[in-house]
Amino acid sequence: MPRFEALYRQFKDRGFEIVSIPVDRESSKDELIEKVRAFNARKGVTFPTVLEPAFTARYGLHPAGSHLMLFGRDGKLLEIGHILSLRRRSGPLEQRIEQALASP
């Protein structure tokens, strides 16, 4: 998460947003809220977290782990992936963010 926090801080003033989407189908909503609060505090995460089952179902997100999605300024989904897979290919992620921010 530190890499995504750094990206968020680097680009947020230009309209970039990161939204963390935990997919935990075993915890109650209250338990999940507490887990997310504790995790975000421990890791220094300041970007928003979505706790909405309908959202995760809409995009077919896998129940194991958290996901990140990259949307263009027009609201179209540009990229979606599990955090670990995005980390593995995050070298050009900054370029993809720059491209998304440059588009109308």
PDB file of N, CA and C in Angstrom:
ATOM      1  N   MET A   1       0.799  -1.215   0.000  1.00  0.00           N
ATOM      2  CA  MET A   1       0.000   0.000   0.000  1.00  0.00           C
ATOM      3  C   MET A   1       0.840   1.277   0.000  1.00  0.00           C
ATOM      4  N   PRO A   2       2.060   1.263   0.520  1.00  0.00           N
ATOM      5  CA  PRO A   2       2.830   2.513   0.486  1.00  0.00           C
ATOM      6  C   PRO A   2       3.018   3.058  -0.933  1.00  0.00           C
ATOM      7  N   ARG A   3       3.185   2.174  -1.909  1.00  0.00           N
ATOM      8  CA  ARG A   3       3.363   2.629  -3.303  1.00  0.00           C
ATOM      9  C   ARG A   3       2.098   3.334  -3.794  1.00  0.00           C
ATOM     10  N   PHE A   4       0.939   2.784  -3.475  1.00  0.00           N
ATOM     11  CA  PHE A   4      -0.304   3.403  -3.928  1.00  0.00           C
ATOM     12  C   PHE A   4      -0.573   4.699  -3.185  1.00  0.00           C
ATOM     13  N   GLU A   5      -0.207   4.743  -1.933  1.00  0.00           N
ATOM     14  CA  GLU A   5      -0.340   5.996  -1.178  1.00  0.00           C
ATOM     15  C   GLU A   5       0.540   7.075  -1.802  1.00  0.00           C
ATOM     16  N   ALA A   6       1.755   6.701  -2.188  1.00  0.00           N
ATOM     17  CA  ALA A   6       2.665   7.653  -2.825  1.00  0.00           C
ATOM     18  C   ALA A   6       2.088   8.143  -4.158  1.00  0.00           C
ATOM     19  N   LEU A   7       1.516   7.226  -4.946  1.00  0.00           N
ATOM     20  CA  LEU A   7       0.882   7.622  -6.213  1.00  0.00           C
ATOM     21  C   LEU A   7      -0.284   8.572  -5.967  1.00  0.00           C
ATOM     22  N   TYR A   8      -1.078   8.253  -4.957  1.00  0.00           N
ATOM     23  CA  TYR A   8      -2.227   9.094  -4.621  1.00  0.00           C
ATOM     24  C   TYR A   8      -1.759  10.513  -4.272  1.00  0.00           C
ATOM     25  N   ARG A   9      -0.750  10.608  -3.425  1.00  0.00           N
ATOM     26  CA  ARG A   9      -0.254  11.923  -3.021  1.00  0.00           C
ATOM     27  C   ARG A   9       0.377  12.674  -4.190  1.00  0.00           C
ATOM     28  N   GLN A  10       1.034  11.933  -5.084  1.00  0.00           N
ATOM     29  CA  GLN A  10       1.688  12.543  -6.237  1.00  0.00           C
ATOM     30  C   GLN A  10       0.684  13.144  -7.220  1.00  0.00           C
ATOM     31  N   PHE A  11      -0.430  12.458  -7.442  1.00  0.00           N
ATOM     32  CA  PHE A  11      -1.344  12.850  -8.516  1.00  0.00           C
ATOM     33  C   PHE A  11      -2.694  13.417  -8.060  1.00  0.00           C
ATOM     34  N   LYS A  12      -3.019  13.368  -6.780  1.00  0.00           N
ATOM     35  CA  LYS A  12      -4.374  13.734  -6.342  1.00  0.00           C
ATOM     36  C   LYS A  12      -4.740  15.182  -6.645  1.00  0.00           C
ATOM     37  N   ASP A  13      -3.776  16.091  -6.618  1.00  0.00           N
ATOM     38  CA  ASP A  13      -4.084  17.494  -6.894  1.00  0.00           C
ATOM     39  C   ASP A  13      -4.411  17.749  -8.362  1.00  0.00           C
ATOM     40  N   ARG A  14      -4.178  16.732  -9.191  1.00  0.00           N
ATOM     41  CA  ARG A  14      -4.495  16.843 -10.622  1.00  0.00           C
ATOM     42  C   ARG A  14      -5.791  16.106 -10.954  1.00  0.00           C
ATOM     43  N   GLY A  15      -6.519  15.677  -9.922  1.00  0.00           N
ATOM     44  CA  GLY A  15      -7.799  15.023 -10.136  1.00  0.00           C
ATOM     45  C   GLY A  15      -7.753  13.511 -10.066  1.00  0.00           C
ATOM     46  N   PHE A  16      -6.608  12.959  -9.706  1.00  0.00           N
ATOM     47  CA  PHE A  16      -6.459  11.506  -9.614  1.00  0.00           C
ATOM     48  C   PHE A  16      -7.007  11.008  -8.292  1.00  0.00           C
ATOM     49  N   GLU A  17      -7.711   9.908  -8.336  1.00  0.00           N
ATOM     50  CA  GLU A  17      -8.233   9.286  -7.122  1.00  0.00           C
ATOM     51  C   GLU A  17      -7.869   7.805  -7.114  1.00  0.00           C
ATOM     52  N   ILE A  18      -7.566   7.302  -5.970  1.00  0.00           N
ATOM     53  CA  ILE A  18      -7.416   5.866  -5.746  1.00  0.00           C
ATOM     54  C   ILE A  18      -8.518   5.487  -4.777  1.00  0.00           C
ATOM     55  N   VAL A  19      -9.158   4.374  -5.045  1.00  0.00           N
ATOM     56  CA  VAL A  19     -10.179   3.851  -4.149  1.00  0.00           C
ATOM     57  C   VAL A  19      -9.825   2.405  -3.846  1.00  0.00           C
ATOM     58  N   SER A  20      -9.661   2.098  -2.593  1.00  0.00           N
ATOM     59  CA  SER A  20      -9.391   0.727  -2.165  1.00  0.00           C
ATOM     60  C   SER A  20     -10.715   0.001  -2.014  1.00  0.00           C
ATOM     61  N   ILE A  21     -10.738  -1.259  -2.463  1.00  0.00           N
ATOM     62  CA  ILE A  21     -11.976  -2.031  -2.431  1.00  0.00           C
ATOM     63  C   ILE A  21     -11.704  -3.375  -1.752  1.00  0.00           C
ATOM     64  N   PRO A  22     -11.868  -3.456  -0.425  1.00  0.00           N
ATOM     65  CA  PRO A  22     -11.665  -4.745   0.223  1.00  0.00           C
ATOM     66  C   PRO A  22     -12.847  -5.672  -0.066  1.00  0.00           C
ATOM     67  N   VAL A  23     -12.532  -6.897  -0.356  1.00  0.00           N
ATOM     68  CA  VAL A  23     -13.584  -7.872  -0.649  1.00  0.00           C
ATOM     69  C   VAL A  23     -13.481  -8.958   0.424  1.00  0.00           C
ATOM     70  N   ASP A  24     -14.281  -8.813   1.452  1.00  0.00           N
ATOM     71  CA  ASP A  24     -14.264  -9.740   2.589  1.00  0.00           C
ATOM     72  C   ASP A  24     -15.702 -10.172   2.821  1.00  0.00           C
ATOM     73  N   ARG A  25     -16.007 -11.368   2.400  1.00  0.00           N
ATOM     74  CA  ARG A  25     -17.392 -11.834   2.504  1.00  0.00           C
ATOM     75  C   ARG A  25     -17.670 -12.587   3.794  1.00  0.00           C
ATOM     76  N   GLU A  26     -16.657 -12.709   4.651  1.00  0.00           N
ATOM     77  CA  GLU A  26     -16.843 -13.471   5.888  1.00  0.00           C
ATOM     78  C   GLU A  26     -17.099 -12.588   7.099  1.00  0.00           C
ATOM     79  N   SER A  27     -16.640 -11.353   7.050  1.00  0.00           N
ATOM     80  CA  SER A  27     -16.809 -10.450   8.182  1.00  0.00           C
ATOM     81  C   SER A  27     -18.140  -9.725   8.090  1.00  0.00           C
ATOM     82  N   SER A  28     -18.674  -9.380   9.248  1.00  0.00           N
ATOM     83  CA  SER A  28     -19.864  -8.532   9.252  1.00  0.00           C
ATOM     84  C   SER A  28     -19.438  -7.128   8.814  1.00  0.00           C
ATOM     85  N   LYS A  29     -20.405  -6.295   8.482  1.00  0.00           N
ATOM     86  CA  LYS A  29     -20.082  -4.939   8.052  1.00  0.00           C
ATOM     87  C   LYS A  29     -19.314  -4.188   9.133  1.00  0.00           C
ATOM     88  N   ASP A  30     -19.757  -4.312  10.388  1.00  0.00           N
ATOM     89  CA  ASP A  30     -19.070  -3.634  11.489  1.00  0.00           C
ATOM     90  C   ASP A  30     -17.644  -4.150  11.661  1.00  0.00           C
ATOM     91  N   GLU A  31     -17.472  -5.472  11.533  1.00  0.00           N
ATOM     92  CA  GLU A  31     -16.126  -6.054  11.638  1.00  0.00           C
ATOM     93  C   GLU A  31     -15.231  -5.548  10.506  1.00  0.00           C
ATOM     94  N   LEU A  32     -15.796  -5.489   9.321  1.00  0.00           N
ATOM     95  CA  LEU A  32     -15.027  -5.040   8.167  1.00  0.00           C
ATOM     96  C   LEU A  32     -14.619  -3.573   8.317  1.00  0.00           C
ATOM     97  N   ILE A  33     -15.520  -2.755   8.794  1.00  0.00           N
ATOM     98  CA  ILE A  33     -15.205  -1.339   9.020  1.00  0.00           C
ATOM     99  C   ILE A  33     -14.038  -1.214   9.990  1.00  0.00           C
ATOM    100  N   GLU A  34     -14.073  -1.978  11.063  1.00  0.00           N
ATOM    101  CA  GLU A  34     -12.976  -1.933  12.041  1.00  0.00           C
ATOM    102  C   GLU A  34     -11.669  -2.442  11.445  1.00  0.00           C
ATOM    103  N   LYS A  35     -11.743  -3.517  10.656  1.00  0.00           N
ATOM    104  CA  LYS A  35     -10.535  -4.042   9.997  1.00  0.00           C
ATOM    105  C   LYS A  35      -9.931  -2.996   9.060  1.00  0.00           C
ATOM    106  N   VAL A  36     -10.789  -2.347   8.283  1.00  0.00           N
ATOM    107  CA  VAL A  36     -10.308  -1.339   7.331  1.00  0.00           C
ATOM    108  C   VAL A  36      -9.707  -0.152   8.075  1.00  0.00           C
ATOM    109  N   ARG A  37     -10.373   0.320   9.098  1.00  0.00           N
ATOM    110  CA  ARG A  37      -9.833   1.444   9.885  1.00  0.00           C
ATOM    111  C   ARG A  37      -8.465   1.110  10.462  1.00  0.00           C
ATOM    112  N   ALA A  38      -8.350  -0.077  11.043  1.00  0.00           N
ATOM    113  CA  ALA A  38      -7.083  -0.493  11.643  1.00  0.00           C
ATOM    114  C   ALA A  38      -5.992  -0.621  10.570  1.00  0.00           C
ATOM    115  N   PHE A  39      -6.328  -1.255   9.452  1.00  0.00           N
ATOM    116  CA  PHE A  39      -5.362  -1.434   8.365  1.00  0.00           C
ATOM    117  C   PHE A  39      -4.903  -0.085   7.823  1.00  0.00           C
ATOM    118  N   ASN A  40      -5.864   0.805   7.530  1.00  0.00           N
ATOM    119  CA  ASN A  40      -5.519   2.110   6.975  1.00  0.00           C
ATOM    120  C   ASN A  40      -4.663   2.921   7.941  1.00  0.00           C
ATOM    121  N   ALA A  41      -4.965   2.856   9.228  1.00  0.00           N
ATOM    122  CA  ALA A  41      -4.166   3.572  10.219  1.00  0.00           C
ATOM    123  C   ALA A  41      -2.758   2.981  10.300  1.00  0.00           C
ATOM    124  N   ARG A  42      -2.670   1.673  10.294  1.00  0.00           N
ATOM    125  CA  ARG A  42      -1.372   0.984  10.397  1.00  0.00           C
ATOM    126  C   ARG A  42      -0.493   1.271   9.176  1.00  0.00           C
ATOM    127  N   LYS A  43      -1.106   1.323   7.998  1.00  0.00           N
ATOM    128  CA  LYS A  43      -0.356   1.506   6.749  1.00  0.00           C
ATOM    129  C   LYS A  43      -0.275   2.964   6.288  1.00  0.00           C
ATOM    130  N   GLY A  44      -0.967   3.865   6.983  1.00  0.00           N
ATOM    131  CA  GLY A  44      -0.940   5.273   6.601  1.00  0.00           C
ATOM    132  C   GLY A  44      -1.728   5.574   5.333  1.00  0.00           C
ATOM    133  N   VAL A  45      -2.776   4.810   5.078  1.00  0.00           N
ATOM    134  CA  VAL A  45      -3.591   4.984   3.881  1.00  0.00           C
ATOM    135  C   VAL A  45      -4.554   6.150   4.090  1.00  0.00           C
ATOM    136  N   THR A  46      -4.537   7.097   3.140  1.00  0.00           N
ATOM    137  CA  THR A  46      -5.426   8.255   3.252  1.00  0.00           C
ATOM    138  C   THR A  46      -6.457   8.306   2.132  1.00  0.00           C
ATOM    139  N   PHE A  47      -6.332   7.438   1.111  1.00  0.00           N
ATOM    140  CA  PHE A  47      -7.323   7.446   0.037  1.00  0.00           C
ATOM    141  C   PHE A  47      -8.552   6.660   0.460  1.00  0.00           C
ATOM    142  N   PRO A  48      -9.684   6.905  -0.189  1.00  0.00           N
ATOM    143  CA  PRO A  48     -10.951   6.309   0.234  1.00  0.00           C
ATOM    144  C   PRO A  48     -11.015   4.793   0.053  1.00  0.00           C
ATOM    145  N   THR A  49     -11.871   4.190   0.854  1.00  0.00           N
ATOM    146  CA  THR A  49     -12.153   2.758   0.769  1.00  0.00           C
ATOM    147  C   THR A  49     -13.647   2.589   0.544  1.00  0.00           C
ATOM    148  N   VAL A  50     -13.995   1.723  -0.402  1.00  0.00           N
ATOM    149  CA  VAL A  50     -15.395   1.426  -0.698  1.00  0.00           C
ATOM    150  C   VAL A  50     -15.764   0.111  -0.039  1.00  0.00           C
ATOM    151  N   LEU A  51     -16.819   0.123   0.759  1.00  0.00           N
ATOM    152  CA  LEU A  51     -17.314  -1.090   1.417  1.00  0.00           C
ATOM    153  C   LEU A  51     -18.713  -1.365   0.879  1.00  0.00           C
ATOM    154  N   GLU A  52     -18.784  -1.701  -0.377  1.00  0.00           N
ATOM    155  CA  GLU A  52     -20.075  -1.867  -1.017  1.00  0.00           C
ATOM    156  C   GLU A  52     -20.122  -3.174  -1.807  1.00  0.00           C
ATOM    157  N   PRO A  53     -20.817  -4.181  -1.306  1.00  0.00           N
ATOM    158  CA  PRO A  53     -20.881  -5.471  -2.006  1.00  0.00           C
ATOM    159  C   PRO A  53     -21.405  -5.377  -3.436  1.00  0.00           C
ATOM    160  N   ALA A  54     -22.347  -4.499  -3.688  1.00  0.00           N
ATOM    161  CA  ALA A  54     -22.892  -4.372  -5.043  1.00  0.00           C
ATOM    162  C   ALA A  54     -21.811  -3.881  -6.009  1.00  0.00           C
ATOM    163  N   PHE A  55     -20.937  -3.027  -5.539  1.00  0.00           N
ATOM    164  CA  PHE A  55     -19.847  -2.511  -6.368  1.00  0.00           C
ATOM    165  C   PHE A  55     -18.898  -3.633  -6.752  1.00  0.00           C
ATOM    166  N   THR A  56     -18.531  -4.450  -5.779  1.00  0.00           N
ATOM    167  CA  THR A  56     -17.607  -5.551  -6.068  1.00  0.00           C
ATOM    168  C   THR A  56     -18.253  -6.575  -6.993  1.00  0.00           C
ATOM    169  N   ALA A  57     -19.540  -6.814  -6.840  1.00  0.00           N
ATOM    170  CA  ALA A  57     -20.244  -7.760  -7.711  1.00  0.00           C
ATOM    171  C   ALA A  57     -20.345  -7.214  -9.133  1.00  0.00           C
ATOM    172  N   ARG A  58     -20.594  -5.919  -9.258  1.00  0.00           N
ATOM    173  CA  ARG A  58     -20.738  -5.305 -10.585  1.00  0.00           C
ATOM    174  C   ARG A  58     -19.497  -5.510 -11.442  1.00  0.00           C
ATOM    175  N   TYR A  59     -18.322  -5.423 -10.826  1.00  0.00           N
ATOM    176  CA  TYR A  59     -17.077  -5.548 -11.565  1.00  0.00           C
ATOM    177  C   TYR A  59     -16.464  -6.941 -11.465  1.00  0.00           C
ATOM    178  N   GLY A  60     -17.151  -7.869 -10.824  1.00  0.00           N
ATOM    179  CA  GLY A  60     -16.674  -9.240 -10.743  1.00  0.00           C
ATOM    180  C   GLY A  60     -15.365  -9.385  -9.993  1.00  0.00           C
ATOM    181  N   LEU A  61     -15.215  -8.637  -8.911  1.00  0.00           N
ATOM    182  CA  LEU A  61     -13.974  -8.671  -8.154  1.00  0.00           C
ATOM    183  C   LEU A  61     -13.863  -9.962  -7.355  1.00  0.00           C
ATOM    184  N   HIS A  62     -12.682 -10.496  -7.318  1.00  0.00           N
ATOM    185  CA  HIS A  62     -12.412 -11.756  -6.614  1.00  0.00           C
ATOM    186  C   HIS A  62     -12.504 -11.526  -5.107  1.00  0.00           C
ATOM    187  N   PRO A  63     -13.057 -12.475  -4.370  1.00  0.00           N
ATOM    188  CA  PRO A  63     -13.249 -12.269  -2.936  1.00  0.00           C
ATOM    189  C   PRO A  63     -11.975 -12.299  -2.104  1.00  0.00           C
ATOM    190  N   ALA A  64     -10.850 -12.679  -2.673  1.00  0.00           N
ATOM    191  CA  ALA A  64      -9.611 -12.752  -1.896  1.00  0.00           C
ATOM    192  C   ALA A  64      -8.765 -11.512  -2.134  1.00  0.00           C
ATOM    193  N   GLY A  65      -8.785 -10.598  -1.193  1.00  0.00           N
ATOM    194  CA  GLY A  65      -7.908  -9.447  -1.277  1.00  0.00           C
ATOM    195  C   GLY A  65      -8.584  -8.170  -1.719  1.00  0.00           C
ATOM    196  N   SER A  66      -7.753  -7.164  -1.974  1.00  0.00           N
ATOM    197  CA  SER A  66      -8.234  -5.848  -2.361  1.00  0.00           C
ATOM    198  C   SER A  66      -7.872  -5.566  -3.808  1.00  0.00           C
ATOM    199  N   HIS A  67      -8.641  -4.693  -4.420  1.00  0.00           N
ATOM    200  CA  HIS A  67      -8.486  -4.378  -5.826  1.00  0.00           C
ATOM    201  C   HIS A  67      -8.326  -2.877  -6.013  1.00  0.00           C
ATOM    202  N   LEU A  68      -7.700  -2.522  -7.117  1.00  0.00           N
ATOM    203  CA  LEU A  68      -7.613  -1.125  -7.512  1.00  0.00           C
ATOM    204  C   LEU A  68      -8.128  -1.001  -8.939  1.00  0.00           C
ATOM    205  N   MET A  69      -8.779   0.110  -9.215  1.00  0.00           N
ATOM    206  CA  MET A  69      -9.356   0.356 -10.533  1.00  0.00           C
ATOM    207  C   MET A  69      -8.889   1.726 -10.999  1.00  0.00           C
ATOM    208  N   LEU A  70      -8.578   1.845 -12.277  1.00  0.00           N
ATOM    209  CA  LEU A  70      -8.162   3.110 -12.853  1.00  0.00           C
ATOM    210  C   LEU A  70      -9.232   3.550 -13.845  1.00  0.00           C
ATOM    211  N   PHE A  71      -9.842   4.694 -13.560  1.00  0.00           N
ATOM    212  CA  PHE A  71     -10.870   5.267 -14.419  1.00  0.00           C
ATOM    213  C   PHE A  71     -10.310   6.522 -15.088  1.00  0.00           C
ATOM    214  N   GLY A  72     -10.737   6.773 -16.305  1.00  0.00           N
ATOM    215  CA  GLY A  72     -10.386   8.011 -16.981  1.00  0.00           C
ATOM    216  C   GLY A  72     -11.240   9.152 -16.476  1.00  0.00           C
ATOM    217  N   ARG A  73     -10.925  10.346 -16.901  1.00  0.00           N
ATOM    218  CA  ARG A  73     -11.707  11.522 -16.495  1.00  0.00           C
ATOM    219  C   ARG A  73     -13.159  11.418 -16.937  1.00  0.00           C
ATOM    220  N   ASP A  74     -13.394  10.659 -18.014  1.00  0.00           N
ATOM    221  CA  ASP A  74     -14.749  10.492 -18.528  1.00  0.00           C
ATOM    222  C   ASP A  74     -15.538   9.428 -17.768  1.00  0.00           C
ATOM    223  N   GLY A  75     -14.914   8.821 -16.759  1.00  0.00           N
ATOM    224  CA  GLY A  75     -15.590   7.817 -15.949  1.00  0.00           C
ATOM    225  C   GLY A  75     -15.484   6.411 -16.486  1.00  0.00           C
ATOM    226  N   LYS A  76     -14.850   6.237 -17.642  1.00  0.00           N
ATOM    227  CA  LYS A  76     -14.697   4.900 -18.214  1.00  0.00           C
ATOM    228  C   LYS A  76     -13.585   4.143 -17.495  1.00  0.00           C
ATOM    229  N   LEU A  77     -13.843   2.868 -17.254  1.00  0.00           N
ATOM    230  CA  LEU A  77     -12.868   2.005 -16.590  1.00  0.00           C
ATOM    231  C   LEU A  77     -11.709   1.733 -17.539  1.00  0.00           C
ATOM    232  N   LEU A  78     -10.501   2.106 -17.125  1.00  0.00           N
ATOM    233  CA  LEU A  78      -9.307   1.886 -17.941  1.00  0.00           C
ATOM    234  C   LEU A  78      -8.575   0.625 -17.532  1.00  0.00           C
ATOM    235  N   GLU A  79      -8.578   0.335 -16.250  1.00  0.00           N
ATOM    236  CA  GLU A  79      -7.827  -0.807 -15.758  1.00  0.00           C
ATOM    237  C   GLU A  79      -8.402  -1.256 -14.424  1.00  0.00           C
ATOM    238  N   ILE A  80      -8.373  -2.557 -14.234  1.00  0.00           N
ATOM    239  CA  ILE A  80      -8.817  -3.128 -12.967  1.00  0.00           C
ATOM    240  C   ILE A  80      -7.890  -4.284 -12.638  1.00  0.00           C
ATOM    241  N   GLY A  81      -7.584  -4.431 -11.387  1.00  0.00           N
ATOM    242  CA  GLY A  81      -6.733  -5.553 -11.015  1.00  0.00           C
ATOM    243  C   GLY A  81      -6.612  -5.707  -9.524  1.00  0.00           C
ATOM    244  N   HIS A  82      -6.214  -6.896  -9.140  1.00  0.00           N
ATOM    245  CA  HIS A  82      -5.890  -7.172  -7.755  1.00  0.00           C
ATOM    246  C   HIS A  82      -4.617  -6.398  -7.431  1.00  0.00           C
ATOM    247  N   ILE A  83      -4.496  -5.914  -6.240  1.00  0.00           N
ATOM    248  CA  ILE A  83      -3.350  -5.101  -5.853  1.00  0.00           C
ATOM    249  C   ILE A  83      -2.035  -5.802  -6.182  1.00  0.00           C
ATOM    250  N   LEU A  84      -1.933  -7.089  -5.909  1.00  0.00           N
ATOM    251  CA  LEU A  84      -0.673  -7.787  -6.154  1.00  0.00           C
ATOM    252  C   LEU A  84      -0.318  -7.827  -7.636  1.00  0.00           C
ATOM    253  N   SER A  85      -1.298  -8.032  -8.508  1.00  0.00           N
ATOM    254  CA  SER A  85      -0.994  -8.069  -9.943  1.00  0.00           C
ATOM    255  C   SER A  85      -0.614  -6.683 -10.446  1.00  0.00           C
ATOM    256  N   LEU A  86      -1.225  -5.635  -9.923  1.00  0.00           N
ATOM    257  CA  LEU A  86      -0.858  -4.279 -10.328  1.00  0.00           C
ATOM    258  C   LEU A  86       0.527  -3.926  -9.822  1.00  0.00           C
ATOM    259  N   ARG A  87       0.894  -4.420  -8.646  1.00  0.00           N
ATOM    260  CA  ARG A  87       2.239  -4.171  -8.138  1.00  0.00           C
ATOM    261  C   ARG A  87       3.290  -4.778  -9.054  1.00  0.00           C
ATOM    262  N   ARG A  88       3.033  -5.981  -9.538  1.00  0.00           N
ATOM    263  CA  ARG A  88       4.005  -6.652 -10.396  1.00  0.00           C
ATOM    264  C   ARG A  88       4.250  -5.887 -11.685  1.00  0.00           C
ATOM    265  N   ARG A  89       3.241  -5.189 -12.171  1.00  0.00           N
ATOM    266  CA  ARG A  89       3.412  -4.466 -13.423  1.00  0.00           C
ATOM    267  C   ARG A  89       3.282  -2.961 -13.210  1.00  0.00           C
ATOM    268  N   SER A  90       3.664  -2.500 -12.021  1.00  0.00           N
ATOM    269  CA  SER A  90       3.440  -1.093 -11.700  1.00  0.00           C
ATOM    270  C   SER A  90       4.509  -0.170 -12.252  1.00  0.00           C
ATOM    271  N   GLY A  91       5.552  -0.708 -12.899  1.00  0.00           N
ATOM    272  CA  GLY A  91       6.554   0.167 -13.503  1.00  0.00           C
ATOM    273  C   GLY A  91       5.907   1.242 -14.358  1.00  0.00           C
ATOM    274  N   PRO A  92       5.102   0.856 -15.371  1.00  0.00           N
ATOM    275  CA  PRO A  92       4.491   1.874 -16.219  1.00  0.00           C
ATOM    276  C   PRO A  92       3.181   2.442 -15.664  1.00  0.00           C
ATOM    277  N   LEU A  93       2.808   2.107 -14.435  1.00  0.00           N
ATOM    278  CA  LEU A  93       1.547   2.611 -13.887  1.00  0.00           C
ATOM    279  C   LEU A  93       1.521   4.129 -13.884  1.00  0.00           C
ATOM    280  N   GLU A  94       2.632   4.759 -13.547  1.00  0.00           N
ATOM    281  CA  GLU A  94       2.689   6.216 -13.563  1.00  0.00           C
ATOM    282  C   GLU A  94       2.378   6.753 -14.961  1.00  0.00           C
ATOM    283  N   GLN A  95       2.876   6.067 -15.992  1.00  0.00           N
ATOM    284  CA  GLN A  95       2.599   6.488 -17.368  1.00  0.00           C
ATOM    285  C   GLN A  95       1.115   6.347 -17.689  1.00  0.00           C
ATOM    286  N   ARG A  96       0.503   5.273 -17.235  1.00  0.00           N
ATOM    287  CA  ARG A  96      -0.926   5.072 -17.494  1.00  0.00           C
ATOM    288  C   ARG A  96      -1.758   6.126 -16.762  1.00  0.00           C
ATOM    289  N   ILE A  97      -1.326   6.502 -15.576  1.00  0.00           N
ATOM    290  CA  ILE A  97      -2.011   7.558 -14.832  1.00  0.00           C
ATOM    291  C   ILE A  97      -1.856   8.894 -15.565  1.00  0.00           C
ATOM    292  N   GLU A  98      -0.651   9.196 -16.001  1.00  0.00           N
ATOM    293  CA  GLU A  98      -0.413  10.427 -16.760  1.00  0.00           C
ATOM    294  C   GLU A  98      -1.308  10.480 -17.996  1.00  0.00           C
ATOM    295  N   GLN A  99      -1.405   9.360 -18.716  1.00  0.00           N
ATOM    296  CA  GLN A  99      -2.251   9.314 -19.909  1.00  0.00           C
ATOM    297  C   GLN A  99      -3.713   9.549 -19.565  1.00  0.00           C
ATOM    298  N   ALA A 100      -4.164   8.925 -18.485  1.00  0.00           N
ATOM    299  CA  ALA A 100      -5.566   9.099 -18.063  1.00  0.00           C
ATOM    300  C   ALA A 100      -5.840  10.548 -17.670  1.00  0.00           C
ATOM    301  N   LEU A 101      -4.894  11.183 -16.999  1.00  0.00           N
ATOM    302  CA  LEU A 101      -5.074  12.570 -16.580  1.00  0.00           C
ATOM    303  C   LEU A 101      -5.008  13.534 -17.762  1.00  0.00           C
ATOM    304  N   ALA A 102      -4.279  13.164 -18.799  1.00  0.00           N
ATOM    305  CA  ALA A 102      -4.134  14.024 -19.962  1.00  0.00           C
ATOM    306  C   ALA A 102      -5.352  13.989 -20.880  1.00  0.00           C
ATOM    307  N   SER A 103      -6.120  12.900 -20.802  1.00  0.00           N
ATOM    308  CA  SER A 103      -7.279  12.801 -21.689  1.00  0.00           C
ATOM    309  C   SER A 103      -8.399  13.710 -21.199  1.00  0.00           C
ATOM    310  N   PRO A 104      -9.237  14.202 -22.156  1.00  0.00           N
ATOM    311  CA  PRO A 104     -10.316  15.137 -21.766  1.00  0.00           C
ATOM    312  C   PRO A 104     -11.369  14.472 -20.908  1.00  0.00           C
TER     313      PRO A 104
END
